[in-house]
Amino acid sequence: MAEVDSPPVDPRWGQEGRDRKAEAILATLQLHCGRDLTRGVWLDIGCGSGGVAATLATYVQNMIGVDPELWARWDQFRELHPNLDFHAASYRDLETLLGPETVDVVVCNQVYEHVDDPIALLQAIHRVMKPGAVCYFAGPNLLWPIEPHVFWPFVHWLPRPFAHRGMHALGSKRARDLDAWSWSYWRLTRSFRRTGFRFNVAIHQRIVGGASLDGAGWILRVAARLPGAMLNAMAAISPGFVFVLSKATIAN
């Protein structure tokens, strides 16, 4: 009989900082929306091993994490947080899994660039959001010259086989991590409209709502000094995006 692989415990980048990221997501939404969002059902799509969802579960009424892969740490987090559950499922299964219009807050953090069909992802999110629900949507910007998963310049602008071969030839061990397909600001915002969302840029709220800037990179420290409206207006050339989405129409 073939041996069955055990579920992974943590992603290759570890669990460090998941708690700070979760707290920054909650603070960003609270700052942007100006109201208490901790009641109701929260959904973390692409939750991975569950660190962000587990931290959020300490603040919110009900927390659900969904990821296409089963993770060993989920059982530990379930024991710590009775209001937290996880499901190994595709984003395409959300409506079947949860039912239509059942979620108050969706977290879609650094996910869109990893799925096979970002439009279908947005449509799935739209279908499970209640009227008045919000979605924290964050991810990388295609136009930023440094690829954020491998920290190499320009490789995400090249044909992917050529980029992989070039990284291998230059001795990089991170070529396998170049597996994300980011979009530009304009392509993303067109997709939000197409799938029935209103959107607001919340980059400034994310920085203000984040952890201390001690030890942060120079770009983040400089950005924190800019007026909020100016910073959000620069979204098209920012390293990454933070949007807050709300339902505008019925998705196509």
C-alpha atoms as a PDB file:
ATOM      1  CA  MET A   1       0.000   0.000   0.000  1.00  0.00           C
ATOM      2  CA  ALA A   2       1.342   3.411  -0.899  1.00  0.00           C
ATOM      3  CA  GLU A   3       2.286   5.603   2.039  1.00  0.00           C
ATOM      4  CA  VAL A   4       0.007   8.632   2.486  1.00  0.00           C
ATOM      5  CA  ASP A   5       1.804  11.922   3.006  1.00  0.00           C
ATOM      6  CA  SER A   6       0.986  13.742   6.220  1.00  0.00           C
ATOM      7  CA  PRO A   7      -0.512  17.220   5.903  1.00  0.00           C
ATOM      8  CA  PRO A   8       2.081  19.993   6.172  1.00  0.00           C
ATOM      9  CA  VAL A   9       2.243  21.853   9.472  1.00  0.00           C
ATOM     10  CA  ASP A  10       3.369  25.295   8.310  1.00  0.00           C
ATOM     11  CA  PRO A  11       4.193  26.957   4.977  1.00  0.00           C
ATOM     12  CA  ARG A  12       7.836  27.231   3.966  1.00  0.00           C
ATOM     13  CA  TRP A  13       7.929  30.863   5.125  1.00  0.00           C
ATOM     14  CA  GLY A  14       6.776  29.879   8.644  1.00  0.00           C
ATOM     15  CA  GLN A  15       4.216  31.370  11.042  1.00  0.00           C
ATOM     16  CA  GLU A  16       6.174  34.395  12.218  1.00  0.00           C
ATOM     17  CA  GLY A  17       4.261  37.632  11.901  1.00  0.00           C
ATOM     18  CA  ARG A  18       0.852  36.055  11.225  1.00  0.00           C
ATOM     19  CA  ASP A  19      -0.557  37.590  14.404  1.00  0.00           C
ATOM     20  CA  ARG A  20       0.629  41.098  13.493  1.00  0.00           C
ATOM     21  CA  LYS A  21      -0.754  40.742   9.979  1.00  0.00           C
ATOM     22  CA  ALA A  22      -4.154  39.635  11.291  1.00  0.00           C
ATOM     23  CA  GLU A  23      -4.331  42.543  13.724  1.00  0.00           C
ATOM     24  CA  ALA A  24      -3.383  44.966  10.925  1.00  0.00           C
ATOM     25  CA  ILE A  25      -6.137  43.550   8.683  1.00  0.00           C
ATOM     26  CA  LEU A  26      -8.727  44.033  11.441  1.00  0.00           C
ATOM     27  CA  ALA A  27      -7.492  47.556  12.198  1.00  0.00           C
ATOM     28  CA  THR A  28      -7.508  48.479   8.492  1.00  0.00           C
ATOM     29  CA  LEU A  29     -11.131  47.435   8.090  1.00  0.00           C
ATOM     30  CA  GLN A  30     -12.211  49.161  11.279  1.00  0.00           C
ATOM     31  CA  LEU A  31     -10.469  52.402  10.256  1.00  0.00           C
ATOM     32  CA  HIS A  32     -11.870  52.321   6.740  1.00  0.00           C
ATOM     33  CA  CYS A  33     -15.436  51.349   7.605  1.00  0.00           C
ATOM     34  CA  GLY A  34     -15.711  53.325  10.837  1.00  0.00           C
ATOM     35  CA  ARG A  35     -17.781  50.670  12.556  1.00  0.00           C
ATOM     36  CA  ASP A  36     -17.451  47.520  14.620  1.00  0.00           C
ATOM     37  CA  LEU A  37     -16.991  44.570  12.281  1.00  0.00           C
ATOM     38  CA  THR A  38     -16.258  41.904  14.882  1.00  0.00           C
ATOM     39  CA  ARG A  39     -19.792  40.520  14.958  1.00  0.00           C
ATOM     40  CA  GLY A  40     -21.020  37.961  12.431  1.00  0.00           C
ATOM     41  CA  VAL A  41     -19.102  35.564  10.214  1.00  0.00           C
ATOM     42  CA  TRP A  42     -15.570  36.184   8.931  1.00  0.00           C
ATOM     43  CA  LEU A  43     -14.035  34.167   6.098  1.00  0.00           C
ATOM     44  CA  ASP A  44     -10.312  33.878   5.331  1.00  0.00           C
ATOM     45  CA  ILE A  45      -9.859  32.579   1.770  1.00  0.00           C
ATOM     46  CA  GLY A  46      -6.527  30.901   1.090  1.00  0.00           C
ATOM     47  CA  CYS A  47      -5.881  30.739   4.816  1.00  0.00           C
ATOM     48  CA  GLY A  48      -2.911  28.368   4.559  1.00  0.00           C
ATOM     49  CA  SER A  49      -1.941  26.837   7.890  1.00  0.00           C
ATOM     50  CA  GLY A  50      -4.348  29.183   9.654  1.00  0.00           C
ATOM     51  CA  GLY A  51      -2.237  31.669  11.608  1.00  0.00           C
ATOM     52  CA  VAL A  52      -4.118  34.772  10.452  1.00  0.00           C
ATOM     53  CA  ALA A  53      -7.524  33.142  10.917  1.00  0.00           C
ATOM     54  CA  ALA A  54      -6.569  31.932  14.404  1.00  0.00           C
ATOM     55  CA  THR A  55      -5.519  35.421  15.506  1.00  0.00           C
ATOM     56  CA  LEU A  56      -8.667  36.977  14.063  1.00  0.00           C
ATOM     57  CA  ALA A  57     -10.738  34.374  15.924  1.00  0.00           C
ATOM     58  CA  THR A  58      -9.676  35.983  19.217  1.00  0.00           C
ATOM     59  CA  TYR A  59     -11.440  39.200  18.137  1.00  0.00           C
ATOM     60  CA  VAL A  60     -14.431  38.166  16.008  1.00  0.00           C
ATOM     61  CA  GLN A  61     -17.610  36.215  16.628  1.00  0.00           C
ATOM     62  CA  ASN A  62     -17.210  33.430  14.068  1.00  0.00           C
ATOM     63  CA  MET A  63     -14.164  32.665  11.912  1.00  0.00           C
ATOM     64  CA  ILE A  64     -13.870  30.277   8.961  1.00  0.00           C
ATOM     65  CA  GLY A  65     -10.683  29.464   7.076  1.00  0.00           C
ATOM     66  CA  VAL A  66     -10.721  27.856   3.620  1.00  0.00           C
ATOM     67  CA  ASP A  67      -7.679  26.581   1.774  1.00  0.00           C
ATOM     68  CA  PRO A  68      -7.257  24.048  -1.050  1.00  0.00           C
ATOM     69  CA  GLU A  69      -4.688  22.179   1.043  1.00  0.00           C
ATOM     70  CA  LEU A  70      -5.221  20.396   4.371  1.00  0.00           C
ATOM     71  CA  TRP A  71      -2.898  21.625   7.143  1.00  0.00           C
ATOM     72  CA  ALA A  72      -1.902  19.752  10.296  1.00  0.00           C
ATOM     73  CA  ARG A  73      -1.965  22.886  12.460  1.00  0.00           C
ATOM     74  CA  TRP A  74      -5.705  23.382  11.921  1.00  0.00           C
ATOM     75  CA  ASP A  75      -6.592  20.931  14.704  1.00  0.00           C
ATOM     76  CA  GLN A  76      -4.433  22.852  17.163  1.00  0.00           C
ATOM     77  CA  PHE A  77      -6.084  26.133  16.257  1.00  0.00           C
ATOM     78  CA  ARG A  78      -9.574  24.603  16.463  1.00  0.00           C
ATOM     79  CA  GLU A  79      -8.872  23.482  20.025  1.00  0.00           C
ATOM     80  CA  LEU A  80      -7.708  26.956  21.008  1.00  0.00           C
ATOM     81  CA  HIS A  81     -10.637  28.750  19.387  1.00  0.00           C
ATOM     82  CA  PRO A  82     -14.106  27.132  19.568  1.00  0.00           C
ATOM     83  CA  ASN A  83     -15.444  29.817  17.182  1.00  0.00           C
ATOM     84  CA  LEU A  84     -12.954  28.820  14.458  1.00  0.00           C
ATOM     85  CA  ASP A  85     -13.329  26.171  11.779  1.00  0.00           C
ATOM     86  CA  PHE A  86     -11.342  25.209   8.690  1.00  0.00           C
ATOM     87  CA  HIS A  87     -12.277  23.560   5.408  1.00  0.00           C
ATOM     88  CA  ALA A  88     -10.032  22.074   2.736  1.00  0.00           C
ATOM     89  CA  ALA A  89     -11.808  23.322  -0.374  1.00  0.00           C
ATOM     90  CA  SER A  90     -11.388  25.382  -3.514  1.00  0.00           C
ATOM     91  CA  TYR A  91     -12.658  28.944  -3.735  1.00  0.00           C
ATOM     92  CA  ARG A  92     -15.004  27.576  -6.410  1.00  0.00           C
ATOM     93  CA  ASP A  93     -16.792  25.589  -3.686  1.00  0.00           C
ATOM     94  CA  LEU A  94     -17.506  28.520  -1.350  1.00  0.00           C
ATOM     95  CA  GLU A  95     -21.186  28.934  -2.166  1.00  0.00           C
ATOM     96  CA  THR A  96     -21.840  25.202  -1.798  1.00  0.00           C
ATOM     97  CA  LEU A  97     -19.823  25.069   1.414  1.00  0.00           C
ATOM     98  CA  LEU A  98     -21.205  28.162   3.140  1.00  0.00           C
ATOM     99  CA  GLY A  99     -24.379  29.071   1.281  1.00  0.00           C
ATOM    100  CA  PRO A 100     -25.149  32.324  -0.588  1.00  0.00           C
ATOM    101  CA  GLU A 101     -24.950  35.648   1.268  1.00  0.00           C
ATOM    102  CA  THR A 102     -23.756  34.179   4.568  1.00  0.00           C
ATOM    103  CA  VAL A 103     -20.499  36.058   5.259  1.00  0.00           C
ATOM    104  CA  ASP A 104     -20.070  39.496   6.863  1.00  0.00           C
ATOM    105  CA  VAL A 105     -16.333  40.014   6.276  1.00  0.00           C
ATOM    106  CA  VAL A 106     -14.048  38.312   3.749  1.00  0.00           C
ATOM    107  CA  VAL A 107     -10.260  38.349   3.958  1.00  0.00           C
ATOM    108  CA  CYS A 108      -8.563  37.662   0.621  1.00  0.00           C
ATOM    109  CA  ASN A 109      -4.943  38.434   1.419  1.00  0.00           C
ATOM    110  CA  GLN A 110      -2.199  37.651  -1.110  1.00  0.00           C
ATOM    111  CA  VAL A 111      -4.391  35.090  -2.881  1.00  0.00           C
ATOM    112  CA  TYR A 112      -5.528  36.451  -6.252  1.00  0.00           C
ATOM    113  CA  GLU A 113      -2.052  36.066  -7.803  1.00  0.00           C
ATOM    114  CA  HIS A 114      -1.960  32.341  -6.985  1.00  0.00           C
ATOM    115  CA  VAL A 115      -5.322  31.144  -8.326  1.00  0.00           C
ATOM    116  CA  ASP A 116      -6.077  29.857 -11.807  1.00  0.00           C
ATOM    117  CA  ASP A 117      -8.934  32.329 -12.436  1.00  0.00           C
ATOM    118  CA  PRO A 118      -9.027  35.588 -10.408  1.00  0.00           C
ATOM    119  CA  ILE A 119     -12.353  36.574 -12.004  1.00  0.00           C
ATOM    120  CA  ALA A 120     -13.940  33.353 -10.755  1.00  0.00           C
ATOM    121  CA  LEU A 121     -12.423  34.033  -7.328  1.00  0.00           C
ATOM    122  CA  LEU A 122     -14.075  37.458  -7.215  1.00  0.00           C
ATOM    123  CA  GLN A 123     -17.398  36.026  -8.353  1.00  0.00           C
ATOM    124  CA  ALA A 124     -17.208  33.378  -5.615  1.00  0.00           C
ATOM    125  CA  ILE A 125     -16.500  36.052  -2.981  1.00  0.00           C
ATOM    126  CA  HIS A 126     -19.396  38.175  -4.243  1.00  0.00           C
ATOM    127  CA  ARG A 127     -21.860  35.290  -3.977  1.00  0.00           C
ATOM    128  CA  VAL A 128     -21.099  34.494  -0.315  1.00  0.00           C
ATOM    129  CA  MET A 129     -21.026  38.114   0.919  1.00  0.00           C
ATOM    130  CA  LYS A 130     -24.137  39.436   2.615  1.00  0.00           C
ATOM    131  CA  PRO A 131     -25.545  42.798   1.523  1.00  0.00           C
ATOM    132  CA  GLY A 132     -23.441  45.333   3.433  1.00  0.00           C
ATOM    133  CA  ALA A 133     -20.514  42.937   3.823  1.00  0.00           C
ATOM    134  CA  VAL A 134     -16.946  43.995   3.081  1.00  0.00           C
ATOM    135  CA  CYS A 135     -13.869  42.253   1.696  1.00  0.00           C
ATOM    136  CA  TYR A 136     -10.255  43.041   2.561  1.00  0.00           C
ATOM    137  CA  PHE A 137      -8.466  42.352  -0.734  1.00  0.00           C
ATOM    138  CA  ALA A 138      -4.667  42.658  -0.894  1.00  0.00           C
ATOM    139  CA  GLY A 139      -1.977  41.492  -3.266  1.00  0.00           C
ATOM    140  CA  PRO A 140       1.062  42.484  -5.320  1.00  0.00           C
ATOM    141  CA  ASN A 141       1.305  44.997  -8.151  1.00  0.00           C
ATOM    142  CA  LEU A 142       2.569  43.765 -11.528  1.00  0.00           C
ATOM    143  CA  LEU A 143       4.182  47.144 -12.217  1.00  0.00           C
ATOM    144  CA  TRP A 144       6.385  47.115  -9.115  1.00  0.00           C
ATOM    145  CA  PRO A 145       9.852  46.103 -10.369  1.00  0.00           C
ATOM    146  CA  ILE A 146      10.711  43.757  -7.484  1.00  0.00           C
ATOM    147  CA  GLU A 147       8.835  40.445  -7.504  1.00  0.00           C
ATOM    148  CA  PRO A 148       7.676  40.080  -3.861  1.00  0.00           C
ATOM    149  CA  HIS A 149       7.876  36.291  -3.598  1.00  0.00           C
ATOM    150  CA  VAL A 150      11.470  35.889  -4.788  1.00  0.00           C
ATOM    151  CA  PHE A 151      12.710  39.480  -4.316  1.00  0.00           C
ATOM    152  CA  TRP A 152      14.299  39.560  -7.775  1.00  0.00           C
ATOM    153  CA  PRO A 153      13.879  42.533 -10.110  1.00  0.00           C
ATOM    154  CA  PHE A 154      11.926  42.271 -13.373  1.00  0.00           C
ATOM    155  CA  VAL A 155      11.603  38.449 -13.478  1.00  0.00           C
ATOM    156  CA  HIS A 156       7.785  38.638 -13.272  1.00  0.00           C
ATOM    157  CA  TRP A 157       7.789  40.727 -16.448  1.00  0.00           C
ATOM    158  CA  LEU A 158       9.561  38.003 -18.444  1.00  0.00           C
ATOM    159  CA  PRO A 159       8.094  34.872 -20.045  1.00  0.00           C
ATOM    160  CA  ARG A 160       7.960  32.471 -17.121  1.00  0.00           C
ATOM    161  CA  PRO A 161      10.115  29.627 -18.598  1.00  0.00           C
ATOM    162  CA  PHE A 162      12.796  32.171 -19.513  1.00  0.00           C
ATOM    163  CA  ALA A 163      12.680  33.693 -16.023  1.00  0.00           C
ATOM    164  CA  HIS A 164      13.004  30.272 -14.366  1.00  0.00           C
ATOM    165  CA  ARG A 165      15.942  29.293 -16.546  1.00  0.00           C
ATOM    166  CA  GLY A 166      17.647  32.608 -15.955  1.00  0.00           C
ATOM    167  CA  MET A 167      17.290  32.357 -12.186  1.00  0.00           C
ATOM    168  CA  HIS A 168      18.652  28.806 -12.206  1.00  0.00           C
ATOM    169  CA  ALA A 169      21.557  29.855 -14.406  1.00  0.00           C
ATOM    170  CA  LEU A 170      22.427  32.637 -11.951  1.00  0.00           C
ATOM    171  CA  GLY A 171      22.435  30.185  -9.048  1.00  0.00           C
ATOM    172  CA  SER A 172      19.126  31.091  -7.434  1.00  0.00           C
ATOM    173  CA  LYS A 173      17.417  28.466  -5.294  1.00  0.00           C
ATOM    174  CA  ARG A 174      14.172  30.451  -5.314  1.00  0.00           C
ATOM    175  CA  ALA A 175      13.103  29.906  -8.914  1.00  0.00           C
ATOM    176  CA  ARG A 176      10.399  27.472  -7.734  1.00  0.00           C
ATOM    177  CA  ASP A 177       8.896  30.297  -5.666  1.00  0.00           C
ATOM    178  CA  LEU A 178       8.240  32.320  -8.822  1.00  0.00           C
ATOM    179  CA  ASP A 179       4.731  30.918  -9.180  1.00  0.00           C
ATOM    180  CA  ALA A 180       2.554  34.030  -8.833  1.00  0.00           C
ATOM    181  CA  TRP A 181       0.814  36.007 -11.581  1.00  0.00           C
ATOM    182  CA  SER A 182       0.165  39.557 -10.416  1.00  0.00           C
ATOM    183  CA  TRP A 183      -2.000  42.149 -12.196  1.00  0.00           C
ATOM    184  CA  SER A 184      -1.890  45.907 -12.617  1.00  0.00           C
ATOM    185  CA  TYR A 185      -4.126  48.341 -10.747  1.00  0.00           C
ATOM    186  CA  TRP A 186      -6.216  48.966 -13.851  1.00  0.00           C
ATOM    187  CA  ARG A 187      -6.768  45.300 -14.614  1.00  0.00           C
ATOM    188  CA  LEU A 188      -7.800  44.591 -11.033  1.00  0.00           C
ATOM    189  CA  THR A 189     -10.181  47.534 -10.745  1.00  0.00           C
ATOM    190  CA  ARG A 190     -11.820  46.660 -14.079  1.00  0.00           C
ATOM    191  CA  SER A 191     -12.305  43.162 -12.707  1.00  0.00           C
ATOM    192  CA  PHE A 192     -13.900  44.495  -9.522  1.00  0.00           C
ATOM    193  CA  ARG A 193     -16.443  46.439 -11.568  1.00  0.00           C
ATOM    194  CA  ARG A 194     -17.056  43.493 -13.866  1.00  0.00           C
ATOM    195  CA  THR A 195     -17.856  41.202 -10.944  1.00  0.00           C
ATOM    196  CA  GLY A 196     -20.197  43.614  -9.176  1.00  0.00           C
ATOM    197  CA  PHE A 197     -17.988  45.332  -6.588  1.00  0.00           C
ATOM    198  CA  ARG A 198     -17.435  48.857  -5.443  1.00  0.00           C
ATOM    199  CA  PHE A 199     -13.852  49.379  -4.332  1.00  0.00           C
ATOM    200  CA  ASN A 200     -11.869  51.799  -2.201  1.00  0.00           C
ATOM    201  CA  VAL A 201      -8.089  51.917  -1.896  1.00  0.00           C
ATOM    202  CA  ALA A 202      -7.018  51.409   1.738  1.00  0.00           C
ATOM    203  CA  ILE A 203      -3.214  51.444   1.567  1.00  0.00           C
ATOM    204  CA  HIS A 204      -2.926  54.326   4.022  1.00  0.00           C
ATOM    205  CA  GLN A 205      -5.339  52.668   6.445  1.00  0.00           C
ATOM    206  CA  ARG A 206      -3.276  49.468   6.241  1.00  0.00           C
ATOM    207  CA  ILE A 207      -0.080  51.307   7.151  1.00  0.00           C
ATOM    208  CA  VAL A 208      -1.712  53.299   9.944  1.00  0.00           C
ATOM    209  CA  GLY A 209      -3.458  50.193  11.240  1.00  0.00           C
ATOM    210  CA  GLY A 210      -0.332  48.044  11.095  1.00  0.00           C
ATOM    211  CA  ALA A 211       2.265  47.297  13.716  1.00  0.00           C
ATOM    212  CA  SER A 212       5.091  49.642  14.724  1.00  0.00           C
ATOM    213  CA  LEU A 213       7.294  50.899  11.878  1.00  0.00           C
ATOM    214  CA  ASP A 214      10.424  50.149  13.906  1.00  0.00           C
ATOM    215  CA  GLY A 215      12.599  47.996  11.673  1.00  0.00           C
ATOM    216  CA  ALA A 216      10.333  48.536   8.661  1.00  0.00           C
ATOM    217  CA  GLY A 217      11.814  49.154   5.220  1.00  0.00           C
ATOM    218  CA  TRP A 218      12.487  52.675   4.022  1.00  0.00           C
ATOM    219  CA  ILE A 219       9.614  52.598   1.543  1.00  0.00           C
ATOM    220  CA  LEU A 220       7.103  51.899   4.316  1.00  0.00           C
ATOM    221  CA  ARG A 221       8.580  54.556   6.611  1.00  0.00           C
ATOM    222  CA  VAL A 222       8.427  57.174   3.870  1.00  0.00           C
ATOM    223  CA  ALA A 223       4.900  56.154   2.884  1.00  0.00           C
ATOM    224  CA  ALA A 224       3.719  56.488   6.475  1.00  0.00           C
ATOM    225  CA  ARG A 225       4.634  60.194   6.394  1.00  0.00           C
ATOM    226  CA  LEU A 226       2.534  60.965   3.328  1.00  0.00           C
ATOM    227  CA  PRO A 227      -1.030  62.322   3.582  1.00  0.00           C
ATOM    228  CA  GLY A 228      -3.530  59.486   3.381  1.00  0.00           C
ATOM    229  CA  ALA A 229      -5.331  60.760   0.297  1.00  0.00           C
ATOM    230  CA  MET A 230      -2.024  61.203  -1.545  1.00  0.00           C
ATOM    231  CA  LEU A 231      -0.822  57.722  -0.630  1.00  0.00           C
ATOM    232  CA  ASN A 232      -4.048  56.035  -1.720  1.00  0.00           C
ATOM    233  CA  ALA A 233      -3.997  58.022  -4.966  1.00  0.00           C
ATOM    234  CA  MET A 234      -0.590  56.489  -5.729  1.00  0.00           C
ATOM    235  CA  ALA A 235      -1.987  52.947  -5.634  1.00  0.00           C
ATOM    236  CA  ALA A 236      -1.220  52.251  -9.297  1.00  0.00           C
ATOM    237  CA  ILE A 237       2.539  52.496  -8.636  1.00  0.00           C
ATOM    238  CA  SER A 238       2.622  51.057  -5.120  1.00  0.00           C
ATOM    239  CA  PRO A 239       4.470  47.796  -4.296  1.00  0.00           C
ATOM    240  CA  GLY A 240       1.172  46.153  -3.437  1.00  0.00           C
ATOM    241  CA  PHE A 241      -2.539  46.827  -3.230  1.00  0.00           C
ATOM    242  CA  VAL A 242      -4.982  47.017  -0.355  1.00  0.00           C
ATOM    243  CA  PHE A 243      -8.626  47.419  -1.338  1.00  0.00           C
ATOM    244  CA  VAL A 244     -11.851  47.276   0.618  1.00  0.00           C
ATOM    245  CA  LEU A 245     -14.610  45.835  -1.583  1.00  0.00           C
ATOM    246  CA  SER A 246     -18.366  46.018  -1.129  1.00  0.00           C
ATOM    247  CA  LYS A 247     -21.191  44.644  -3.219  1.00  0.00           C
ATOM    248  CA  ALA A 248     -22.594  46.949  -5.876  1.00  0.00           C
ATOM    249  CA  THR A 249     -24.582  44.652  -8.186  1.00  0.00           C
ATOM    250  CA  ILE A 250     -25.266  41.012  -8.859  1.00  0.00           C
ATOM    251  CA  ALA A 251     -22.102  39.361 -10.179  1.00  0.00           C
ATOM    252  CA  ASN A 252     -22.106  38.128 -13.768  1.00  0.00           C
END
